[in-house]
Every structure is written in structure tokens, then in C-alpha cells.
């Protein structure tokens, strides 16, 4: 189903699309790539535990 402005309860075009969007991009950047990579070989359970350990170490590059 395609909706048009006439299908919306508030038909003010200033409230929709580019005009109505309050989004502004201030800065765009690409994250730095790590200087060092780690290759591992392990079973699924070990790999899951290893990944959870990495995620739980923000000071060492983790994400949580």
C-alpha cells in the first residue's frame, strides 16, 4: 500500500519529508581499523566465550 500526503491526518507538507525532518548530519567519519588482528581456531562454545570476553573489555577495544 502506498500512502500519499492526502492519506495522512495532518496534510501540512512542512511536517513530512525533507522539510519536516529535523535530522542534520554534523560529522561523518569512518572508525579506525585496529592495528592488530587476532586469529583464533576453536569450537563454537569456546568461540562464544572468547567473543563475550572481548565485548566485556571496553578498555581493550571491546564494545560494551
PDB file of N, CA and C in Angstrom:
ATOM      1  N   UNK A   1       0.838  -1.168   0.000  1.00  0.00           N
ATOM      2  CA  UNK A   1       0.000   0.000   0.000  1.00  0.00           C
ATOM      3  C   UNK A   1       0.892   1.243   0.000  1.00  0.00           C
ATOM      4  N   UNK A   2       0.547   2.198  -0.809  1.00  0.00           N
ATOM      5  CA  UNK A   2       1.289   3.455  -0.903  1.00  0.00           C
ATOM      6  C   UNK A   2       0.455   4.561  -0.274  1.00  0.00           C
ATOM      7  N   UNK A   3       1.062   5.291   0.655  1.00  0.00           N
ATOM      8  CA  UNK A   3       0.388   6.425   1.284  1.00  0.00           C
ATOM      9  C   UNK A   3       0.866   7.719   0.641  1.00  0.00           C
ATOM     10  N   UNK A   4      -0.046   8.645   0.487  1.00  0.00           N
ATOM     11  CA  UNK A   4       0.304   9.971  -0.018  1.00  0.00           C
ATOM     12  C   UNK A   4      -0.009  10.992   1.073  1.00  0.00           C
ATOM     13  N   UNK A   5       0.341  12.222   0.850  1.00  0.00           N
ATOM     14  CA  UNK A   5       0.083  13.281   1.817  1.00  0.00           C
ATOM     15  C   UNK A   5      -1.410  13.365   2.140  1.00  0.00           C
ATOM     16  N   UNK A   6      -2.255  13.123   1.162  1.00  0.00           N
ATOM     17  CA  UNK A   6      -3.700  13.204   1.375  1.00  0.00           C
ATOM     18  C   UNK A   6      -4.204  12.098   2.311  1.00  0.00           C
ATOM     19  N   UNK A   7      -3.446  11.017   2.470  1.00  0.00           N
ATOM     20  CA  UNK A   7      -3.852   9.920   3.354  1.00  0.00           C
ATOM     21  C   UNK A   7      -3.508  10.191   4.818  1.00  0.00           C
ATOM     22  N   UNK A   8      -2.686  11.184   5.087  1.00  0.00           N
ATOM     23  CA  UNK A   8      -2.228  11.459   6.446  1.00  0.00           C
ATOM     24  C   UNK A   8      -3.176  12.421   7.154  1.00  0.00           C
ATOM     25  N   UNK A   9      -3.314  12.274   8.494  1.00  0.00           N
ATOM     26  CA  UNK A   9      -4.241  13.139   9.224  1.00  0.00           C
ATOM     27  C   UNK A   9      -3.841  14.618   9.165  1.00  0.00           C
ATOM     28  N   UNK A  10      -2.564  14.912   9.216  1.00  0.00           N
ATOM     29  CA  UNK A  10      -2.074  16.286   9.130  1.00  0.00           C
ATOM     30  C   UNK A  10      -1.489  16.452   7.732  1.00  0.00           C
ATOM     31  N   UNK A  11      -2.125  17.198   6.891  1.00  0.00           N
ATOM     32  CA  UNK A  11      -1.696  17.300   5.487  1.00  0.00           C
ATOM     33  C   UNK A  11      -0.733  18.460   5.244  1.00  0.00           C
ATOM     34  N   UNK A  12      -0.069  18.921   6.292  1.00  0.00           N
ATOM     35  CA  UNK A  12       0.883  20.021   6.157  1.00  0.00           C
ATOM     36  C   UNK A  12       2.195  19.466   5.600  1.00  0.00           C
ATOM     37  N   UNK A  13       2.570  19.799   4.353  1.00  0.00           N
ATOM     38  CA  UNK A  13       3.787  19.245   3.758  1.00  0.00           C
ATOM     39  C   UNK A  13       5.061  19.650   4.500  1.00  0.00           C
ATOM     40  N   UNK A  14       5.005  20.706   5.308  1.00  0.00           N
ATOM     41  CA  UNK A  14       6.184  21.131   6.067  1.00  0.00           C
ATOM     42  C   UNK A  14       6.503  20.160   7.204  1.00  0.00           C
ATOM     43  N   UNK A  15       5.591  19.237   7.501  1.00  0.00           N
ATOM     44  CA  UNK A  15       5.806  18.283   8.594  1.00  0.00           C
ATOM     45  C   UNK A  15       6.305  16.928   8.111  1.00  0.00           C
ATOM     46  N   UNK A  16       6.464  16.733   6.824  1.00  0.00           N
ATOM     47  CA  UNK A  16       6.862  15.435   6.282  1.00  0.00           C
ATOM     48  C   UNK A  16       8.005  15.600   5.288  1.00  0.00           C
ATOM     49  N   UNK A  17       8.680  14.509   4.999  1.00  0.00           N
ATOM     50  CA  UNK A  17       9.746  14.521   4.004  1.00  0.00           C
ATOM     51  C   UNK A  17      10.935  15.347   4.455  1.00  0.00           C
ATOM     52  N   UNK A  18      11.683  15.857   3.498  1.00  0.00           N
ATOM     53  CA  UNK A  18      12.902  16.598   3.805  1.00  0.00           C
ATOM     54  C   UNK A  18      12.609  17.843   4.637  1.00  0.00           C
ATOM     55  N   UNK A  19      11.558  18.558   4.296  1.00  0.00           N
ATOM     56  CA  UNK A  19      11.202  19.781   5.029  1.00  0.00           C
ATOM     57  C   UNK A  19      10.861  19.482   6.483  1.00  0.00           C
ATOM     58  N   UNK A  20      10.147  18.408   6.727  1.00  0.00           N
ATOM     59  CA  UNK A  20       9.676  18.103   8.069  1.00  0.00           C
ATOM     60  C   UNK A  20      10.654  17.324   8.921  1.00  0.00           C
ATOM     61  N   UNK A  21      11.758  16.911   8.349  1.00  0.00           N
ATOM     62  CA  UNK A  21      12.730  16.116   9.098  1.00  0.00           C
ATOM     63  C   UNK A  21      13.670  17.029   9.864  1.00  0.00           C
ATOM     64  N   UNK A  22      13.828  16.719  11.155  1.00  0.00           N
ATOM     65  CA  UNK A  22      14.749  17.508  11.965  1.00  0.00           C
ATOM     66  C   UNK A  22      16.159  16.934  11.975  1.00  0.00           C
ATOM     67  N   UNK A  23      16.423  15.961  11.129  1.00  0.00           N
ATOM     68  CA  UNK A  23      17.720  15.294  11.119  1.00  0.00           C
ATOM     69  C   UNK A  23      18.760  16.147  10.402  1.00  0.00           C
ATOM     70  N   UNK A  24      19.907  16.322  11.049  1.00  0.00           N
ATOM     71  CA  UNK A  24      21.035  17.025  10.438  1.00  0.00           C
ATOM     72  C   UNK A  24      22.280  16.195  10.649  1.00  0.00           C
ATOM     73  N   UNK A  25      23.052  16.006   9.614  1.00  0.00           N
ATOM     74  CA  UNK A  25      24.328  15.301   9.736  1.00  0.00           C
ATOM     75  C   UNK A  25      25.390  16.340  10.025  1.00  0.00           C
ATOM     76  N   UNK A  26      26.031  16.216  11.184  1.00  0.00           N
ATOM     77  CA  UNK A  26      27.036  17.185  11.594  1.00  0.00           C
ATOM     78  C   UNK A  26      28.421  16.723  11.186  1.00  0.00           C
ATOM     79  N   UNK A  27      28.683  15.417  11.353  1.00  0.00           N
ATOM     80  CA  UNK A  27      30.010  14.909  11.043  1.00  0.00           C
ATOM     81  C   UNK A  27      29.898  13.445  10.644  1.00  0.00           C
ATOM     82  N   UNK A  28      30.635  13.054   9.630  1.00  0.00           N
ATOM     83  CA  UNK A  28      30.696  11.662   9.197  1.00  0.00           C
ATOM     84  C   UNK A  28      32.148  11.226   9.294  1.00  0.00           C
ATOM     85  N   UNK A  29      32.378  10.059   9.883  1.00  0.00           N
ATOM     86  CA  UNK A  29      33.738   9.551   9.970  1.00  0.00           C
ATOM     87  C   UNK A  29      33.717   8.039   9.911  1.00  0.00           C
ATOM     88  N   UNK A  30      34.819   7.481   9.498  1.00  0.00           N
ATOM     89  CA  UNK A  30      34.992   6.033   9.488  1.00  0.00           C
ATOM     90  C   UNK A  30      35.806   5.644  10.707  1.00  0.00           C
ATOM     91  N   UNK A  31      35.394   4.581  11.397  1.00  0.00           N
ATOM     92  CA  UNK A  31      36.182   4.158  12.555  1.00  0.00           C
ATOM     93  C   UNK A  31      37.568   3.690  12.135  1.00  0.00           C
ATOM     94  N   UNK A  32      38.537   3.912  13.017  1.00  0.00           N
ATOM     95  CA  UNK A  32      39.894   3.454  12.729  1.00  0.00           C
ATOM     96  C   UNK A  32      39.944   1.940  12.767  1.00  0.00           C
ATOM     97  N   UNK A  33      40.742   1.375  11.902  1.00  0.00           N
ATOM     98  CA  UNK A  33      40.933  -0.072  11.913  1.00  0.00           C
ATOM     99  C   UNK A  33      41.945  -0.425  12.988  1.00  0.00           C
ATOM    100  N   UNK A  34      41.740  -1.551  13.657  1.00  0.00           N
ATOM    101  CA  UNK A  34      42.705  -1.930  14.691  1.00  0.00           C
ATOM    102  C   UNK A  34      44.081  -2.174  14.086  1.00  0.00           C
ATOM    103  N   UNK A  35      45.105  -1.857  14.861  1.00  0.00           N
ATOM    104  CA  UNK A  35      46.475  -2.049  14.392  1.00  0.00           C
ATOM    105  C   UNK A  35      46.856  -3.520  14.381  1.00  0.00           C
ATOM    106  N   UNK A  36      46.121  -4.303  15.125  1.00  0.00           N
ATOM    107  CA  UNK A  36      46.486  -5.704  15.270  1.00  0.00           C
ATOM    108  C   UNK A  36      45.212  -6.544  15.190  1.00  0.00           C
ATOM    109  N   UNK A  37      45.274  -7.667  14.529  1.00  0.00           N
ATOM    110  CA  UNK A  37      44.142  -8.586  14.427  1.00  0.00           C
ATOM    111  C   UNK A  37      44.490  -9.880  15.145  1.00  0.00           C
ATOM    112  N   UNK A  38      43.459 -10.572  15.598  1.00  0.00           N
ATOM    113  CA  UNK A  38      43.669 -11.831  16.291  1.00  0.00           C
ATOM    114  C   UNK A  38      42.954 -12.939  15.537  1.00  0.00           C
ATOM    115  N   UNK A  39      43.681 -13.980  15.161  1.00  0.00           N
ATOM    116  CA  UNK A  39      43.085 -15.144  14.509  1.00  0.00           C
ATOM    117  C   UNK A  39      43.009 -16.267  15.533  1.00  0.00           C
ATOM    118  N   UNK A  40      41.851 -16.893  15.623  1.00  0.00           N
ATOM    119  CA  UNK A  40      41.674 -17.973  16.590  1.00  0.00           C
ATOM    120  C   UNK A  40      41.004 -19.164  15.918  1.00  0.00           C
ATOM    121  N   UNK A  41      41.239 -20.333  16.470  1.00  0.00           N
ATOM    122  CA  UNK A  41      40.601 -21.552  15.981  1.00  0.00           C
ATOM    123  C   UNK A  41      40.091 -22.309  17.200  1.00  0.00           C
ATOM    124  N   UNK A  42      38.761 -22.431  17.314  1.00  0.00           N
ATOM    125  CA  UNK A  42      38.171 -23.105  18.472  1.00  0.00           C
ATOM    126  C   UNK A  42      36.758 -23.557  18.143  1.00  0.00           C
ATOM    127  N   UNK A  43      36.173 -24.363  19.020  1.00  0.00           N
ATOM    128  CA  UNK A  43      34.808 -24.822  18.781  1.00  0.00           C
ATOM    129  C   UNK A  43      33.825 -23.694  19.103  1.00  0.00           C
ATOM    130  N   UNK A  44      32.556 -23.907  18.805  1.00  0.00           N
ATOM    131  CA  UNK A  44      31.546 -22.864  18.965  1.00  0.00           C
ATOM    132  C   UNK A  44      31.410 -22.342  20.379  1.00  0.00           C
ATOM    133  N   UNK A  45      31.426 -23.243  21.358  1.00  0.00           N
ATOM    134  CA  UNK A  45      31.264 -22.833  22.751  1.00  0.00           C
ATOM    135  C   UNK A  45      32.448 -21.976  23.202  1.00  0.00           C
ATOM    136  N   UNK A  46      33.652 -22.397  22.833  1.00  0.00           N
ATOM    137  CA  UNK A  46      34.854 -21.630  23.178  1.00  0.00           C
ATOM    138  C   UNK A  46      34.848 -20.275  22.472  1.00  0.00           C
ATOM    139  N   UNK A  47      34.441 -20.276  21.200  1.00  0.00           N
ATOM    140  CA  UNK A  47      34.407 -19.027  20.432  1.00  0.00           C
ATOM    141  C   UNK A  47      33.423 -18.041  21.055  1.00  0.00           C
ATOM    142  N   UNK A  48      32.247 -18.538  21.466  1.00  0.00           N
ATOM    143  CA  UNK A  48      31.248 -17.666  22.092  1.00  0.00           C
ATOM    144  C   UNK A  48      31.803 -17.052  23.371  1.00  0.00           C
ATOM    145  N   UNK A  49      32.462 -17.858  24.195  1.00  0.00           N
ATOM    146  CA  UNK A  49      33.041 -17.351  25.439  1.00  0.00           C
ATOM    147  C   UNK A  49      34.128 -16.317  25.147  1.00  0.00           C
ATOM    148  N   UNK A  50      34.933 -16.563  24.128  1.00  0.00           N
ATOM    149  CA  UNK A  50      36.004 -15.642  23.748  1.00  0.00           C
ATOM    150  C   UNK A  50      35.415 -14.306  23.275  1.00  0.00           C
ATOM    151  N   UNK A  51      34.397 -14.359  22.431  1.00  0.00           N
ATOM    152  CA  UNK A  51      33.761 -13.142  21.916  1.00  0.00           C
ATOM    153  C   UNK A  51      33.133 -12.353  23.058  1.00  0.00           C
ATOM    154  N   UNK A  52      32.436 -13.042  23.968  1.00  0.00           N
ATOM    155  CA  UNK A  52      31.837 -12.347  25.108  1.00  0.00           C
ATOM    156  C   UNK A  52      32.905 -11.679  25.965  1.00  0.00           C
ATOM    157  N   UNK A  53      34.045 -12.320  26.098  1.00  0.00           N
ATOM    158  CA  UNK A  53      35.152 -11.712  26.834  1.00  0.00           C
ATOM    159  C   UNK A  53      35.649 -10.448  26.165  1.00  0.00           C
ATOM    160  N   UNK A  54      35.774 -10.473  24.843  1.00  0.00           N
ATOM    161  CA  UNK A  54      36.217  -9.278  24.106  1.00  0.00           C
ATOM    162  C   UNK A  54      35.206  -8.147  24.263  1.00  0.00           C
ATOM    163  N   UNK A  55      33.921  -8.479  24.158  1.00  0.00           N
ATOM    164  CA  UNK A  55      32.885  -7.453  24.257  1.00  0.00           C
ATOM    165  C   UNK A  55      32.827  -6.837  25.647  1.00  0.00           C
ATOM    166  N   UNK A  56      33.264  -7.577  26.641  1.00  0.00           N
ATOM    167  CA  UNK A  56      33.193  -7.113  28.018  1.00  0.00           C
ATOM    168  C   UNK A  56      34.439  -6.335  28.444  1.00  0.00           C
ATOM    169  N   UNK A  57      35.349  -6.058  27.524  1.00  0.00           N
ATOM    170  CA  UNK A  57      36.587  -5.347  27.846  1.00  0.00           C
ATOM    171  C   UNK A  57      36.690  -4.046  27.056  1.00  0.00           C
ATOM    172  N   UNK A  58      35.876  -3.015  27.406  1.00  0.00           N
ATOM    173  CA  UNK A  58      35.902  -1.766  26.638  1.00  0.00           C
ATOM    174  C   UNK A  58      37.262  -1.079  26.620  1.00  0.00           C
ATOM    175  N   UNK A  59      38.022  -1.199  27.676  1.00  0.00           N
ATOM    176  CA  UNK A  59      39.332  -0.542  27.718  1.00  0.00           C
ATOM    177  C   UNK A  59      40.298  -1.151  26.714  1.00  0.00           C
ATOM    178  N   UNK A  60      40.033  -2.376  26.312  1.00  0.00           N
ATOM    179  CA  UNK A  60      40.916  -3.055  25.365  1.00  0.00           C
ATOM    180  C   UNK A  60      40.299  -3.124  23.973  1.00  0.00           C
ATOM    181  N   UNK A  61      39.305  -2.286  23.693  1.00  0.00           N
ATOM    182  CA  UNK A  61      38.722  -2.244  22.359  1.00  0.00           C
ATOM    183  C   UNK A  61      37.388  -2.935  22.246  1.00  0.00           C
ATOM    184  N   UNK A  62      36.813  -3.394  23.354  1.00  0.00           N
ATOM    185  CA  UNK A  62      35.503  -4.023  23.315  1.00  0.00           C
ATOM    186  C   UNK A  62      34.418  -2.989  23.064  1.00  0.00           C
ATOM    187  N   UNK A  63      33.183  -3.447  22.946  1.00  0.00           N
ATOM    188  CA  UNK A  63      32.103  -2.530  22.622  1.00  0.00           C
ATOM    189  C   UNK A  63      31.098  -2.331  23.744  1.00  0.00           C
ATOM    190  N   UNK A  64      31.131  -3.138  24.782  1.00  0.00           N
ATOM    191  CA  UNK A  64      30.162  -2.974  25.870  1.00  0.00           C
ATOM    192  C   UNK A  64      30.792  -2.304  27.058  1.00  0.00           C
TER     193      UNK A  64
END
